[in-house]
């Protein structure tokens, strides 16, 4: 029950944190990408949109055998226009 809430909190907070090692900020090895809006899209379309942006979709409340072609994303974390590192997970609920 707390997993979707925890995912949302970490998804919104972690992109803002900087990694510090030995008192110095590590150089970025990956690009930052602006999260596209996938709310209102089918899960199938959301996967394609995120893949084009080198991001991964994680469906928080996924059910076995769900129809990804007709199921609509109702909520996403982090929200659109937030910058995240390339390859990051975007959490969605339907």
Protein backbone atom coordinates (compact mmCIF):
# COMPACT_ATOMS: atom_id res chain seq x y z
CA UNK A 1 0.00 0.00 0.00
CA UNK A 2 2.83 2.42 0.80
CA UNK A 3 4.91 1.43 -2.25
CA UNK A 4 3.18 3.79 -4.73
CA UNK A 5 3.47 6.68 -2.26
CA UNK A 6 7.14 5.91 -1.59
CA UNK A 7 7.81 5.68 -5.33
CA UNK A 8 6.14 9.02 -5.86
CA UNK A 9 8.13 10.72 -3.10
CA UNK A 10 11.47 9.31 -4.24
CA UNK A 11 10.67 9.98 -7.90
CA UNK A 12 10.06 13.65 -7.19
CA UNK A 13 12.90 14.17 -4.69
CA UNK A 14 15.82 12.16 -6.09
CA UNK A 15 16.25 14.15 -9.32
CA UNK A 16 16.98 17.26 -7.24
CA UNK A 17 19.72 15.68 -5.14
CA UNK A 18 23.34 15.99 -6.21
CA UNK A 19 25.82 13.20 -5.60
CA UNK A 20 28.84 14.31 -3.55
CA UNK A 21 32.03 12.28 -3.25
CA UNK A 22 35.02 13.42 -1.20
CA UNK A 23 33.53 16.90 -0.91
CA UNK A 24 33.27 17.36 -4.68
CA UNK A 25 30.30 17.01 -6.98
CA UNK A 26 30.71 14.10 -9.38
CA UNK A 27 30.65 14.90 -13.06
CA UNK A 28 27.44 13.97 -14.79
CA UNK A 29 27.91 10.97 -17.06
CA UNK A 30 24.33 10.87 -18.26
CA UNK A 31 22.15 13.54 -19.80
CA UNK A 32 19.22 15.11 -18.05
CA UNK A 33 15.93 14.69 -19.86
CA UNK A 34 12.68 16.57 -19.40
CA UNK A 35 9.95 14.10 -18.50
CA UNK A 36 7.24 14.04 -21.17
CA UNK A 37 3.55 14.09 -20.25
CA UNK A 38 2.12 10.58 -20.47
CA UNK A 39 -1.09 11.23 -18.53
CA UNK A 40 -4.13 10.52 -20.68
CA UNK A 41 -2.12 8.24 -22.99
CA UNK A 42 -2.51 4.48 -23.26
CA UNK A 43 0.11 2.42 -21.49
CA UNK A 44 1.32 1.18 -24.87
CA UNK A 45 1.78 4.78 -26.11
CA UNK A 46 3.39 5.83 -22.83
CA UNK A 47 5.97 3.05 -23.17
CA UNK A 48 6.81 4.23 -26.70
CA UNK A 49 7.05 7.91 -25.70
CA UNK A 50 9.32 7.15 -22.77
CA UNK A 51 11.46 4.74 -24.78
CA UNK A 52 12.03 7.50 -27.39
CA UNK A 53 13.31 9.68 -24.52
CA UNK A 54 15.47 6.88 -23.04
CA UNK A 55 13.24 6.55 -19.98
CA UNK A 56 11.55 3.48 -18.49
CA UNK A 57 7.89 3.03 -17.52
CA UNK A 58 7.05 1.31 -14.23
CA UNK A 59 3.34 0.71 -13.66
CA UNK A 60 2.77 0.91 -9.91
CA UNK A 61 -0.55 -0.93 -9.92
CA UNK A 62 0.04 -3.28 -12.87
CA UNK A 63 -2.13 -6.37 -13.03
CA UNK A 64 -1.41 -9.59 -14.83
CA UNK A 65 -3.00 -9.67 -18.27
CA UNK A 66 -3.98 -5.98 -18.28
CA UNK A 67 -4.86 -4.50 -21.68
CA UNK A 68 -1.99 -2.06 -22.32
CA UNK A 69 -3.51 -0.90 -25.62
CA UNK A 70 -6.66 0.45 -23.97
CA UNK A 71 -5.62 1.20 -20.37
CA UNK A 72 -5.06 4.93 -19.79
CA UNK A 73 -2.36 6.45 -17.55
CA UNK A 74 -4.10 8.55 -14.90
CA UNK A 75 -1.08 9.69 -12.87
CA UNK A 76 2.69 9.86 -13.34
CA UNK A 77 5.68 10.45 -11.09
CA UNK A 78 7.75 12.50 -11.58
CA UNK A 79 5.41 14.97 -13.22
CA UNK A 80 6.01 16.17 -16.77
CA UNK A 81 8.64 18.87 -17.36
CA UNK A 82 10.76 17.71 -14.38
CA UNK A 83 14.33 16.93 -15.43
CA UNK A 84 15.63 13.44 -14.67
CA UNK A 85 18.68 11.46 -15.66
CA UNK A 86 18.59 9.49 -18.87
CA UNK A 87 17.42 5.92 -18.20
CA UNK A 88 15.34 6.90 -15.14
CA UNK A 89 12.11 5.16 -14.18
CA UNK A 90 8.84 7.02 -14.61
CA UNK A 91 6.11 5.61 -12.36
CA UNK A 92 2.54 5.51 -13.60
CA UNK A 93 -0.84 4.48 -12.28
CA UNK A 94 -3.92 3.72 -14.32
